[in-house]
Amino acid sequence: MEALRASVERALSPKSTGNKATTSGKATARRTPAKKRVRSAPREDLSSLSKADLYKKSAATDVSGRSHIARDDLVKALSSG
């Protein structure tokens, strides 16, 4: 009977499971770490850019019809997406 008890104690030891051994034989619950907030990049002030700069940005983001869009409409298109 003593050999069985020793075997159970070894099975519940912290070395084999990574958790603390308990008297009931159940492992203790671990807390999960809190999730970190991911902040978005600060928005660029598009209204201060030239139409050429806005065109380059709209080309990079694939705004359709960008060659025919007015400067103010490019600002609106880029700030919405």
C-alpha atoms as a PDB file:
ATOM      1  CA  MET A   1       0.000   0.000   0.000  1.00  0.00           C
ATOM      2  CA  GLU A   2       2.898   2.359   0.765  1.00  0.00           C
ATOM      3  CA  ALA A   3       4.328   1.818  -2.731  1.00  0.00           C
ATOM      4  CA  LEU A   4       1.015   2.822  -4.280  1.00  0.00           C
ATOM      5  CA  ARG A   5       0.848   5.969  -2.160  1.00  0.00           C
ATOM      6  CA  ALA A   6       4.416   6.916  -3.143  1.00  0.00           C
ATOM      7  CA  SER A   7       3.598   6.346  -6.813  1.00  0.00           C
ATOM      8  CA  VAL A   8       0.570   8.640  -6.589  1.00  0.00           C
ATOM      9  CA  GLU A   9       2.628  11.319  -4.837  1.00  0.00           C
ATOM     10  CA  ARG A  10       5.263  11.191  -7.589  1.00  0.00           C
ATOM     11  CA  ALA A  11       2.560  11.465 -10.240  1.00  0.00           C
ATOM     12  CA  LEU A  12       1.169  14.598  -8.587  1.00  0.00           C
ATOM     13  CA  SER A  13       4.540  16.232  -7.934  1.00  0.00           C
ATOM     14  CA  PRO A  14       5.202  19.692  -9.467  1.00  0.00           C
ATOM     15  CA  LYS A  15       8.217  18.381 -11.399  1.00  0.00           C
ATOM     16  CA  SER A  16       6.179  16.102 -13.627  1.00  0.00           C
ATOM     17  CA  THR A  17       3.125  18.325 -14.222  1.00  0.00           C
ATOM     18  CA  GLY A  18       4.453  21.857 -13.904  1.00  0.00           C
ATOM     19  CA  ASN A  19       1.679  22.614 -11.402  1.00  0.00           C
ATOM     20  CA  LYS A  20       1.557  22.365  -7.637  1.00  0.00           C
ATOM     21  CA  ALA A  21       0.363  19.066  -6.280  1.00  0.00           C
ATOM     22  CA  THR A  22      -2.859  19.323  -4.297  1.00  0.00           C
ATOM     23  CA  THR A  23      -4.391  17.048  -1.726  1.00  0.00           C
ATOM     24  CA  SER A  24      -7.418  16.389  -3.918  1.00  0.00           C
ATOM     25  CA  GLY A  25      -5.239  15.433  -6.884  1.00  0.00           C
ATOM     26  CA  LYS A  26      -6.542  18.234  -9.103  1.00  0.00           C
ATOM     27  CA  ALA A  27      -4.143  20.707 -10.642  1.00  0.00           C
ATOM     28  CA  THR A  28      -4.546  24.335  -9.655  1.00  0.00           C
ATOM     29  CA  ALA A  29      -5.878  26.703 -12.314  1.00  0.00           C
ATOM     30  CA  ARG A  30      -3.422  29.172 -13.795  1.00  0.00           C
ATOM     31  CA  ARG A  31      -4.354  32.714 -14.658  1.00  0.00           C
ATOM     32  CA  THR A  32      -3.885  33.729 -18.220  1.00  0.00           C
ATOM     33  CA  PRO A  33      -1.927  36.954 -18.698  1.00  0.00           C
ATOM     34  CA  ALA A  34      -3.905  40.055 -19.590  1.00  0.00           C
ATOM     35  CA  LYS A  35      -4.009  40.961 -23.268  1.00  0.00           C
ATOM     36  CA  LYS A  36      -2.177  44.098 -24.279  1.00  0.00           C
ATOM     37  CA  ARG A  37      -3.974  46.832 -26.152  1.00  0.00           C
ATOM     38  CA  VAL A  38      -2.918  47.417 -29.693  1.00  0.00           C
ATOM     39  CA  ARG A  39      -3.060  51.067 -30.595  1.00  0.00           C
ATOM     40  CA  SER A  40      -3.527  52.178 -34.137  1.00  0.00           C
ATOM     41  CA  ALA A  41      -1.100  54.599 -35.684  1.00  0.00           C
ATOM     42  CA  PRO A  42      -2.056  58.243 -35.342  1.00  0.00           C
ATOM     43  CA  ARG A  43      -4.006  59.523 -38.313  1.00  0.00           C
ATOM     44  CA  GLU A  44      -2.125  61.745 -40.699  1.00  0.00           C
ATOM     45  CA  ASP A  45      -3.578  65.147 -41.505  1.00  0.00           C
ATOM     46  CA  LEU A  46      -4.429  64.598 -45.165  1.00  0.00           C
ATOM     47  CA  SER A  47      -5.821  68.088 -45.673  1.00  0.00           C
ATOM     48  CA  SER A  48      -2.314  69.581 -45.539  1.00  0.00           C
ATOM     49  CA  LEU A  49      -1.000  67.375 -48.388  1.00  0.00           C
ATOM     50  CA  SER A  50      -0.791  68.461 -52.003  1.00  0.00           C
ATOM     51  CA  LYS A  51      -2.899  66.781 -54.692  1.00  0.00           C
ATOM     52  CA  ALA A  52       0.225  65.031 -55.991  1.00  0.00           C
ATOM     53  CA  ASP A  53       0.927  63.580 -52.545  1.00  0.00           C
ATOM     54  CA  LEU A  54      -2.706  62.558 -52.177  1.00  0.00           C
ATOM     55  CA  TYR A  55      -2.534  60.897 -55.611  1.00  0.00           C
ATOM     56  CA  LYS A  56       0.535  58.894 -54.537  1.00  0.00           C
ATOM     57  CA  LYS A  57      -1.201  57.755 -51.368  1.00  0.00           C
ATOM     58  CA  SER A  58      -4.365  56.877 -53.268  1.00  0.00           C
ATOM     59  CA  ALA A  59      -2.311  54.854 -55.750  1.00  0.00           C
ATOM     60  CA  ALA A  60      -0.725  52.945 -52.868  1.00  0.00           C
ATOM     61  CA  THR A  61      -4.152  52.144 -51.416  1.00  0.00           C
ATOM     62  CA  ASP A  62      -5.660  51.422 -54.853  1.00  0.00           C
ATOM     63  CA  VAL A  63      -8.416  54.045 -54.837  1.00  0.00           C
ATOM     64  CA  SER A  64     -10.371  53.537 -58.039  1.00  0.00           C
ATOM     65  CA  GLY A  65     -10.824  56.547 -60.317  1.00  0.00           C
ATOM     66  CA  ARG A  66      -8.132  58.517 -58.509  1.00  0.00           C
ATOM     67  CA  SER A  67      -6.924  60.284 -61.654  1.00  0.00           C
ATOM     68  CA  HIS A  68     -10.349  61.911 -62.101  1.00  0.00           C
ATOM     69  CA  ILE A  69     -11.076  62.701 -58.455  1.00  0.00           C
ATOM     70  CA  ALA A  70     -10.782  66.252 -57.074  1.00  0.00           C
ATOM     71  CA  ARG A  71      -8.348  66.960 -54.246  1.00  0.00           C
ATOM     72  CA  ASP A  72     -11.056  67.233 -51.546  1.00  0.00           C
ATOM     73  CA  ASP A  73     -12.605  63.967 -52.692  1.00  0.00           C
ATOM     74  CA  LEU A  74      -9.196  62.272 -52.505  1.00  0.00           C
ATOM     75  CA  VAL A  75      -8.928  63.452 -48.895  1.00  0.00           C
ATOM     76  CA  LYS A  76     -12.366  61.964 -48.157  1.00  0.00           C
ATOM     77  CA  ALA A  77     -11.547  58.697 -49.941  1.00  0.00           C
ATOM     78  CA  LEU A  78      -8.255  58.257 -48.104  1.00  0.00           C
ATOM     79  CA  SER A  79      -9.599  59.194 -44.680  1.00  0.00           C
ATOM     80  CA  SER A  80     -12.528  56.764 -44.915  1.00  0.00           C
ATOM     81  CA  GLY A  81     -10.372  53.745 -45.744  1.00  0.00           C
END
